[in-house]
Amino acid sequence: MHPGLTARTTALGLAALLVASALGYWGVSAYRKGQLQKAVTALVKDSSERLQAALAVETEAAPAAGMVRKLDDQAQEVDKHVIELRGMSASPNLALVDAAGEYLLTVRQILRNQAASHRYHIQVSASERALREHMRTSDRRSGTWIKEAVRAKDRMEKDYFDYRLSVDAFGRLLESYPATRSKLALQVGAGLLPEEAVVANARKRALVNSRRVAADVERARQLAAVR
């Protein structure tokens, strides 16, 4: 065979091999990217459904202990999703993993702070009620009665402080949600994520509740001041 023909044949063979290798790499890369998209989307979808259900219970009604447990459980499940996401290889789609990671962390913290705000709401309501009931027995004043009044007021103030911290954190997280949602929507679409209006309404209801608690606490303070 002519040397020139041999060289051309070899070059064509190498080119074909390179094309086949490139196509094979592209195919594997596309497959890995698709699998990552599928896995991350599943985590986002489940977390979003948990958030949607949790925000639906953010009403003006007094919270119940059973609801606090459910919210804690929801937060724990999302925390598992955070851990699972961190165990995935992000290289096929770094933007997707970064946006999903930020979103899952936000959802987890929303649920945690929602549970905390409900928990402390229950506690501050109980301590505020206990203080009012104690003050109604002022006809039996004594040194012991005064000490108990002081202890009851201190308990209420501590519970209210904890409640205020948790409900403020809950509100700030809800306020930050739209930006986090927008970032992830570019990767998975907006249809999987709770609407901004749903989150805004939950924030408004939490604010209404916090104002009501503040008013109840202030009335109890005034009652305790009359000795």
C-alpha atoms as a PDB file:
ATOM      1  CA  MET A   1       0.000   0.000   0.000  1.00  0.00           C
ATOM      2  CA  HIS A   2       1.199   3.448  -0.867  1.00  0.00           C
ATOM      3  CA  PRO A   3       2.661   5.234   2.186  1.00  0.00           C
ATOM      4  CA  GLY A   4       0.446   8.288   1.602  1.00  0.00           C
ATOM      5  CA  LEU A   5      -2.669   6.149   1.457  1.00  0.00           C
ATOM      6  CA  THR A   6      -1.663   4.359   4.627  1.00  0.00           C
ATOM      7  CA  ALA A   7      -1.226   7.657   6.438  1.00  0.00           C
ATOM      8  CA  ARG A   8      -4.608   8.893   5.263  1.00  0.00           C
ATOM      9  CA  THR A   9      -6.274   5.653   6.313  1.00  0.00           C
ATOM     10  CA  THR A  10      -4.666   5.855   9.735  1.00  0.00           C
ATOM     11  CA  ALA A  11      -5.712   9.494  10.131  1.00  0.00           C
ATOM     12  CA  LEU A  12      -9.299   8.691   9.178  1.00  0.00           C
ATOM     13  CA  GLY A  13      -9.332   5.823  11.621  1.00  0.00           C
ATOM     14  CA  LEU A  14      -8.070   8.008  14.438  1.00  0.00           C
ATOM     15  CA  ALA A  15     -10.616  10.701  13.592  1.00  0.00           C
ATOM     16  CA  ALA A  16     -13.412   8.160  13.643  1.00  0.00           C
ATOM     17  CA  LEU A  17     -12.164   6.857  16.992  1.00  0.00           C
ATOM     18  CA  LEU A  18     -12.073  10.368  18.426  1.00  0.00           C
ATOM     19  CA  VAL A  19     -15.600  11.081  17.176  1.00  0.00           C
ATOM     20  CA  ALA A  20     -16.868   7.833  18.682  1.00  0.00           C
ATOM     21  CA  SER A  21     -15.143   8.609  21.982  1.00  0.00           C
ATOM     22  CA  ALA A  22     -16.583  12.117  22.027  1.00  0.00           C
ATOM     23  CA  LEU A  23     -20.062  10.834  21.307  1.00  0.00           C
ATOM     24  CA  GLY A  24     -19.666   8.210  24.009  1.00  0.00           C
ATOM     25  CA  TYR A  25     -18.505  10.795  26.542  1.00  0.00           C
ATOM     26  CA  TRP A  26     -21.343  13.135  25.576  1.00  0.00           C
ATOM     27  CA  GLY A  27     -23.825  10.299  25.984  1.00  0.00           C
ATOM     28  CA  VAL A  28     -22.529   9.369  29.438  1.00  0.00           C
ATOM     29  CA  SER A  29     -22.419  13.027  30.482  1.00  0.00           C
ATOM     30  CA  ALA A  30     -25.985  13.634  29.304  1.00  0.00           C
ATOM     31  CA  TYR A  31     -27.152  10.503  31.113  1.00  0.00           C
ATOM     32  CA  ARG A  32     -25.479  11.548  34.372  1.00  0.00           C
ATOM     33  CA  LYS A  33     -26.932  15.032  34.082  1.00  0.00           C
ATOM     34  CA  GLY A  34     -30.392  13.627  33.442  1.00  0.00           C
ATOM     35  CA  GLN A  35     -30.167  11.275  36.422  1.00  0.00           C
ATOM     36  CA  LEU A  36     -29.018  14.103  38.672  1.00  0.00           C
ATOM     37  CA  GLN A  37     -31.874  16.299  37.475  1.00  0.00           C
ATOM     38  CA  LYS A  38     -34.337  13.531  38.202  1.00  0.00           C
ATOM     39  CA  ALA A  39     -32.979  12.850  41.694  1.00  0.00           C
ATOM     40  CA  VAL A  40     -32.773  16.507  42.713  1.00  0.00           C
ATOM     41  CA  THR A  41     -36.224  17.257  41.332  1.00  0.00           C
ATOM     42  CA  ALA A  42     -37.674  14.462  43.466  1.00  0.00           C
ATOM     43  CA  LEU A  43     -36.121  15.955  46.620  1.00  0.00           C
ATOM     44  CA  VAL A  44     -37.354  19.427  45.724  1.00  0.00           C
ATOM     45  CA  LYS A  45     -40.853  18.203  44.935  1.00  0.00           C
ATOM     46  CA  ASP A  46     -41.219  16.328  48.221  1.00  0.00           C
ATOM     47  CA  SER A  47     -39.826  19.246  50.246  1.00  0.00           C
ATOM     48  CA  SER A  48     -42.119  21.691  48.470  1.00  0.00           C
ATOM     49  CA  GLU A  49     -45.172  19.575  49.226  1.00  0.00           C
ATOM     50  CA  ARG A  50     -44.197  19.450  52.899  1.00  0.00           C
ATOM     51  CA  LEU A  51     -43.741  23.219  52.956  1.00  0.00           C
ATOM     52  CA  GLN A  52     -47.068  23.806  51.235  1.00  0.00           C
ATOM     53  CA  ALA A  53     -48.877  21.603  53.766  1.00  0.00           C
ATOM     54  CA  ALA A  54     -47.099  23.270  56.703  1.00  0.00           C
ATOM     55  CA  LEU A  55     -47.927  26.799  55.598  1.00  0.00           C
ATOM     56  CA  ALA A  56     -51.572  25.824  55.166  1.00  0.00           C
ATOM     57  CA  VAL A  57     -51.847  25.279  58.932  1.00  0.00           C
ATOM     58  CA  GLU A  58     -50.503  28.761  59.681  1.00  0.00           C
ATOM     59  CA  THR A  59     -53.914  30.109  60.625  1.00  0.00           C
ATOM     60  CA  GLU A  60     -55.144  32.516  63.261  1.00  0.00           C
ATOM     61  CA  ALA A  61     -56.309  29.635  65.440  1.00  0.00           C
ATOM     62  CA  ALA A  62     -54.338  28.764  68.569  1.00  0.00           C
ATOM     63  CA  PRO A  63     -51.621  26.184  67.827  1.00  0.00           C
ATOM     64  CA  ALA A  64     -51.817  22.641  69.183  1.00  0.00           C
ATOM     65  CA  ALA A  65     -49.055  20.389  70.492  1.00  0.00           C
ATOM     66  CA  GLY A  66     -49.846  17.772  67.847  1.00  0.00           C
ATOM     67  CA  MET A  67     -49.208  20.290  65.089  1.00  0.00           C
ATOM     68  CA  VAL A  68     -45.820  21.162  66.575  1.00  0.00           C
ATOM     69  CA  ARG A  69     -44.816  17.492  66.416  1.00  0.00           C
ATOM     70  CA  LYS A  70     -45.945  17.271  62.799  1.00  0.00           C
ATOM     71  CA  LEU A  71     -43.946  20.354  61.859  1.00  0.00           C
ATOM     72  CA  ASP A  72     -40.868  18.943  63.612  1.00  0.00           C
ATOM     73  CA  ASP A  73     -41.320  15.701  61.674  1.00  0.00           C
ATOM     74  CA  GLN A  74     -41.593  17.602  58.388  1.00  0.00           C
ATOM     75  CA  ALA A  75     -38.395  19.517  59.162  1.00  0.00           C
ATOM     76  CA  GLN A  76     -36.577  16.264  59.926  1.00  0.00           C
ATOM     77  CA  GLU A  77     -37.644  14.761  56.610  1.00  0.00           C
ATOM     78  CA  VAL A  78     -36.383  17.786  54.699  1.00  0.00           C
ATOM     79  CA  ASP A  79     -33.135  17.580  56.681  1.00  0.00           C
ATOM     80  CA  LYS A  80     -32.724  14.049  55.332  1.00  0.00           C
ATOM     81  CA  HIS A  81     -33.125  15.479  51.823  1.00  0.00           C
ATOM     82  CA  VAL A  82     -30.390  18.033  52.557  1.00  0.00           C
ATOM     83  CA  ILE A  83     -28.044  15.236  53.607  1.00  0.00           C
ATOM     84  CA  GLU A  84     -28.956  13.169  50.540  1.00  0.00           C
ATOM     85  CA  LEU A  85     -28.317  16.108  48.227  1.00  0.00           C
ATOM     86  CA  ARG A  86     -24.912  16.718  49.786  1.00  0.00           C
ATOM     87  CA  GLY A  87     -24.001  13.108  49.038  1.00  0.00           C
ATOM     88  CA  MET A  88     -24.643  13.519  45.304  1.00  0.00           C
ATOM     89  CA  SER A  89     -21.980  14.357  42.756  1.00  0.00           C
ATOM     90  CA  ALA A  90     -22.722  17.916  41.693  1.00  0.00           C
ATOM     91  CA  SER A  91     -20.347  17.978  38.722  1.00  0.00           C
ATOM     92  CA  PRO A  92     -22.983  17.208  36.042  1.00  0.00           C
ATOM     93  CA  ASN A  93     -24.943  20.345  37.006  1.00  0.00           C
ATOM     94  CA  LEU A  94     -23.435  22.573  39.676  1.00  0.00           C
ATOM     95  CA  ALA A  95     -26.014  25.328  39.221  1.00  0.00           C
ATOM     96  CA  LEU A  96     -28.867  22.900  39.888  1.00  0.00           C
ATOM     97  CA  VAL A  97     -27.290  21.449  43.022  1.00  0.00           C
ATOM     98  CA  ASP A  98     -26.364  24.875  44.403  1.00  0.00           C
ATOM     99  CA  ALA A  99     -29.868  26.266  43.875  1.00  0.00           C
ATOM    100  CA  ALA A 100     -31.508  23.136  45.267  1.00  0.00           C
ATOM    101  CA  GLY A 101     -29.206  23.152  48.290  1.00  0.00           C
ATOM    102  CA  GLU A 102     -30.106  26.733  49.127  1.00  0.00           C
ATOM    103  CA  TYR A 103     -33.787  25.980  48.643  1.00  0.00           C
ATOM    104  CA  LEU A 104     -33.823  22.858  50.811  1.00  0.00           C
ATOM    105  CA  LEU A 105     -31.953  24.628  53.602  1.00  0.00           C
ATOM    106  CA  THR A 106     -34.456  27.497  53.466  1.00  0.00           C
ATOM    107  CA  VAL A 107     -37.420  25.116  53.588  1.00  0.00           C
ATOM    108  CA  ARG A 108     -35.877  23.196  56.478  1.00  0.00           C
ATOM    109  CA  GLN A 109     -35.318  26.371  58.475  1.00  0.00           C
ATOM    110  CA  ILE A 110     -38.814  27.651  57.709  1.00  0.00           C
ATOM    111  CA  LEU A 111     -40.288  24.434  59.079  1.00  0.00           C
ATOM    112  CA  ARG A 112     -38.018  24.448  62.125  1.00  0.00           C
ATOM    113  CA  ASN A 113     -38.855  28.033  63.003  1.00  0.00           C
ATOM    114  CA  GLN A 114     -42.532  27.520  62.320  1.00  0.00           C
ATOM    115  CA  ALA A 115     -42.514  24.597  64.754  1.00  0.00           C
ATOM    116  CA  ALA A 116     -40.582  26.666  67.305  1.00  0.00           C
ATOM    117  CA  SER A 117     -42.948  29.616  66.990  1.00  0.00           C
ATOM    118  CA  HIS A 118     -45.936  27.334  67.581  1.00  0.00           C
ATOM    119  CA  ARG A 119     -44.201  25.635  70.512  1.00  0.00           C
ATOM    120  CA  TYR A 120     -43.388  28.931  72.223  1.00  0.00           C
ATOM    121  CA  HIS A 121     -46.823  30.310  71.378  1.00  0.00           C
ATOM    122  CA  ILE A 122     -48.317  27.452  73.395  1.00  0.00           C
ATOM    123  CA  GLN A 123     -45.880  28.050  76.246  1.00  0.00           C
ATOM    124  CA  VAL A 124     -46.348  31.802  76.432  1.00  0.00           C
ATOM    125  CA  SER A 125     -50.131  31.411  76.323  1.00  0.00           C
ATOM    126  CA  ALA A 126     -49.973  28.947  79.213  1.00  0.00           C
ATOM    127  CA  SER A 127     -47.634  31.115  81.310  1.00  0.00           C
ATOM    128  CA  GLU A 128     -49.643  34.263  80.561  1.00  0.00           C
ATOM    129  CA  ARG A 129     -52.830  32.478  81.610  1.00  0.00           C
ATOM    130  CA  ALA A 130     -51.152  31.189  84.785  1.00  0.00           C
ATOM    131  CA  LEU A 131     -50.041  34.703  85.712  1.00  0.00           C
ATOM    132  CA  ARG A 132     -53.529  36.113  85.207  1.00  0.00           C
ATOM    133  CA  GLU A 133     -55.078  33.350  87.296  1.00  0.00           C
ATOM    134  CA  HIS A 134     -52.577  33.935  90.069  1.00  0.00           C
ATOM    135  CA  MET A 135     -53.231  37.680  90.089  1.00  0.00           C
ATOM    136  CA  ARG A 136     -56.951  37.027  90.531  1.00  0.00           C
ATOM    137  CA  THR A 137     -56.161  35.578  93.961  1.00  0.00           C
ATOM    138  CA  SER A 138     -54.730  38.878  95.179  1.00  0.00           C
ATOM    139  CA  ASP A 139     -57.107  38.831  98.164  1.00  0.00           C
ATOM    140  CA  ARG A 140     -54.765  36.210  99.627  1.00  0.00           C
ATOM    141  CA  ARG A 141     -51.584  38.267  99.344  1.00  0.00           C
ATOM    142  CA  SER A 142     -48.602  37.160 101.373  1.00  0.00           C
ATOM    143  CA  GLY A 143     -44.860  36.962 100.991  1.00  0.00           C
ATOM    144  CA  THR A 144     -45.232  33.597  99.293  1.00  0.00           C
ATOM    145  CA  TRP A 145     -47.958  34.958  97.006  1.00  0.00           C
ATOM    146  CA  ILE A 146     -45.745  37.845  95.902  1.00  0.00           C
ATOM    147  CA  LYS A 147     -42.794  35.542  95.197  1.00  0.00           C
ATOM    148  CA  GLU A 148     -45.009  33.281  93.099  1.00  0.00           C
ATOM    149  CA  ALA A 149     -46.340  36.298  91.222  1.00  0.00           C
ATOM    150  CA  VAL A 150     -42.787  37.344  90.397  1.00  0.00           C
ATOM    151  CA  ARG A 151     -41.898  33.808  89.277  1.00  0.00           C
ATOM    152  CA  ALA A 152     -45.037  33.589  87.127  1.00  0.00           C
ATOM    153  CA  LYS A 153     -44.268  36.901  85.441  1.00  0.00           C
ATOM    154  CA  ASP A 154     -40.641  35.897  84.845  1.00  0.00           C
ATOM    155  CA  ARG A 155     -41.792  32.638  83.222  1.00  0.00           C
ATOM    156  CA  MET A 156     -44.146  34.531  80.958  1.00  0.00           C
ATOM    157  CA  GLU A 157     -41.447  37.021  79.962  1.00  0.00           C
ATOM    158  CA  LYS A 158     -38.967  34.261  79.144  1.00  0.00           C
ATOM    159  CA  ASP A 159     -41.524  32.339  77.097  1.00  0.00           C
ATOM    160  CA  TYR A 160     -42.516  35.510  75.290  1.00  0.00           C
ATOM    161  CA  PHE A 161     -38.879  36.358  74.533  1.00  0.00           C
ATOM    162  CA  ASP A 162     -38.358  32.890  73.020  1.00  0.00           C
ATOM    163  CA  TYR A 163     -41.596  33.185  71.066  1.00  0.00           C
ATOM    164  CA  ARG A 164     -40.656  36.578  69.674  1.00  0.00           C
ATOM    165  CA  LEU A 165     -37.252  35.322  68.528  1.00  0.00           C
ATOM    166  CA  SER A 166     -38.711  32.288  66.783  1.00  0.00           C
ATOM    167  CA  VAL A 167     -41.596  34.089  65.104  1.00  0.00           C
ATOM    168  CA  ASP A 168     -39.295  36.884  63.919  1.00  0.00           C
ATOM    169  CA  ALA A 169     -36.907  34.319  62.415  1.00  0.00           C
ATOM    170  CA  PHE A 170     -39.869  32.558  60.794  1.00  0.00           C
ATOM    171  CA  GLY A 171     -41.004  35.830  59.252  1.00  0.00           C
ATOM    172  CA  ARG A 172     -37.550  36.691  57.913  1.00  0.00           C
ATOM    173  CA  LEU A 173     -37.208  33.275  56.286  1.00  0.00           C
ATOM    174  CA  LEU A 174     -40.598  33.610  54.627  1.00  0.00           C
ATOM    175  CA  GLU A 175     -39.563  37.039  53.400  1.00  0.00           C
ATOM    176  CA  SER A 176     -36.392  35.587  51.839  1.00  0.00           C
ATOM    177  CA  TYR A 177     -38.278  32.751  50.139  1.00  0.00           C
ATOM    178  CA  PRO A 178     -39.085  34.513  46.815  1.00  0.00           C
ATOM    179  CA  ALA A 179     -35.402  35.033  45.969  1.00  0.00           C
ATOM    180  CA  THR A 180     -34.549  31.422  46.768  1.00  0.00           C
ATOM    181  CA  ARG A 181     -37.561  30.225  44.790  1.00  0.00           C
ATOM    182  CA  SER A 182     -36.647  32.308  41.739  1.00  0.00           C
ATOM    183  CA  LYS A 183     -33.126  30.900  41.660  1.00  0.00           C
ATOM    184  CA  LEU A 184     -34.319  27.295  41.737  1.00  0.00           C
ATOM    185  CA  ALA A 185     -37.196  27.928  39.337  1.00  0.00           C
ATOM    186  CA  LEU A 186     -34.599  28.538  36.616  1.00  0.00           C
ATOM    187  CA  GLN A 187     -33.406  24.959  37.106  1.00  0.00           C
ATOM    188  CA  VAL A 188     -36.559  22.927  37.782  1.00  0.00           C
ATOM    189  CA  GLY A 189     -39.418  25.187  36.747  1.00  0.00           C
ATOM    190  CA  ALA A 190     -41.743  27.200  38.969  1.00  0.00           C
ATOM    191  CA  GLY A 191     -44.529  24.617  38.937  1.00  0.00           C
ATOM    192  CA  LEU A 192     -42.853  22.455  41.596  1.00  0.00           C
ATOM    193  CA  LEU A 193     -42.443  25.291  44.079  1.00  0.00           C
ATOM    194  CA  PRO A 194     -45.070  26.864  46.367  1.00  0.00           C
ATOM    195  CA  GLU A 195     -46.306  30.192  45.024  1.00  0.00           C
ATOM    196  CA  GLU A 196     -44.976  33.384  46.566  1.00  0.00           C
ATOM    197  CA  ALA A 197     -48.542  34.377  47.460  1.00  0.00           C
ATOM    198  CA  VAL A 198     -48.929  31.263  49.629  1.00  0.00           C
ATOM    199  CA  VAL A 199     -45.810  32.163  51.571  1.00  0.00           C
ATOM    200  CA  ALA A 200     -46.795  35.826  51.847  1.00  0.00           C
ATOM    201  CA  ASN A 201     -50.206  34.894  53.260  1.00  0.00           C
ATOM    202  CA  ALA A 202     -48.596  32.615  55.854  1.00  0.00           C
ATOM    203  CA  ARG A 203     -46.303  35.463  56.875  1.00  0.00           C
ATOM    204  CA  LYS A 204     -49.283  37.801  57.292  1.00  0.00           C
ATOM    205  CA  ARG A 205     -51.099  35.287  59.480  1.00  0.00           C
ATOM    206  CA  ALA A 206     -47.983  34.770  61.614  1.00  0.00           C
ATOM    207  CA  LEU A 207     -47.761  38.547  62.053  1.00  0.00           C
ATOM    208  CA  VAL A 208     -51.413  38.737  63.120  1.00  0.00           C
ATOM    209  CA  ASN A 209     -50.805  35.998  65.681  1.00  0.00           C
ATOM    210  CA  SER A 210     -47.669  37.683  67.017  1.00  0.00           C
ATOM    211  CA  ARG A 211     -49.568  40.926  67.532  1.00  0.00           C
ATOM    212  CA  ARG A 212     -52.307  39.090  69.374  1.00  0.00           C
ATOM    213  CA  VAL A 213     -49.779  37.364  71.638  1.00  0.00           C
ATOM    214  CA  ALA A 214     -48.065  40.701  72.290  1.00  0.00           C
ATOM    215  CA  ALA A 215     -51.388  42.262  73.293  1.00  0.00           C
ATOM    216  CA  ASP A 216     -52.183  39.362  75.646  1.00  0.00           C
ATOM    217  CA  VAL A 217     -48.755  39.618  77.255  1.00  0.00           C
ATOM    218  CA  GLU A 218     -49.100  43.373  77.704  1.00  0.00           C
ATOM    219  CA  ARG A 219     -52.473  42.972  79.412  1.00  0.00           C
ATOM    220  CA  ALA A 220     -50.961  40.388  81.765  1.00  0.00           C
ATOM    221  CA  ARG A 221     -48.091  42.766  82.526  1.00  0.00           C
ATOM    222  CA  GLN A 222     -50.521  45.532  83.431  1.00  0.00           C
ATOM    223  CA  LEU A 223     -52.478  43.165  85.641  1.00  0.00           C
ATOM    224  CA  ALA A 224     -49.296  42.054  87.397  1.00  0.00           C
ATOM    225  CA  ALA A 225     -48.287  45.677  87.936  1.00  0.00           C
ATOM    226  CA  VAL A 226     -51.422  46.290  90.048  1.00  0.00           C
ATOM    227  CA  ARG A 227     -50.384  44.932  93.427  1.00  0.00           C
END
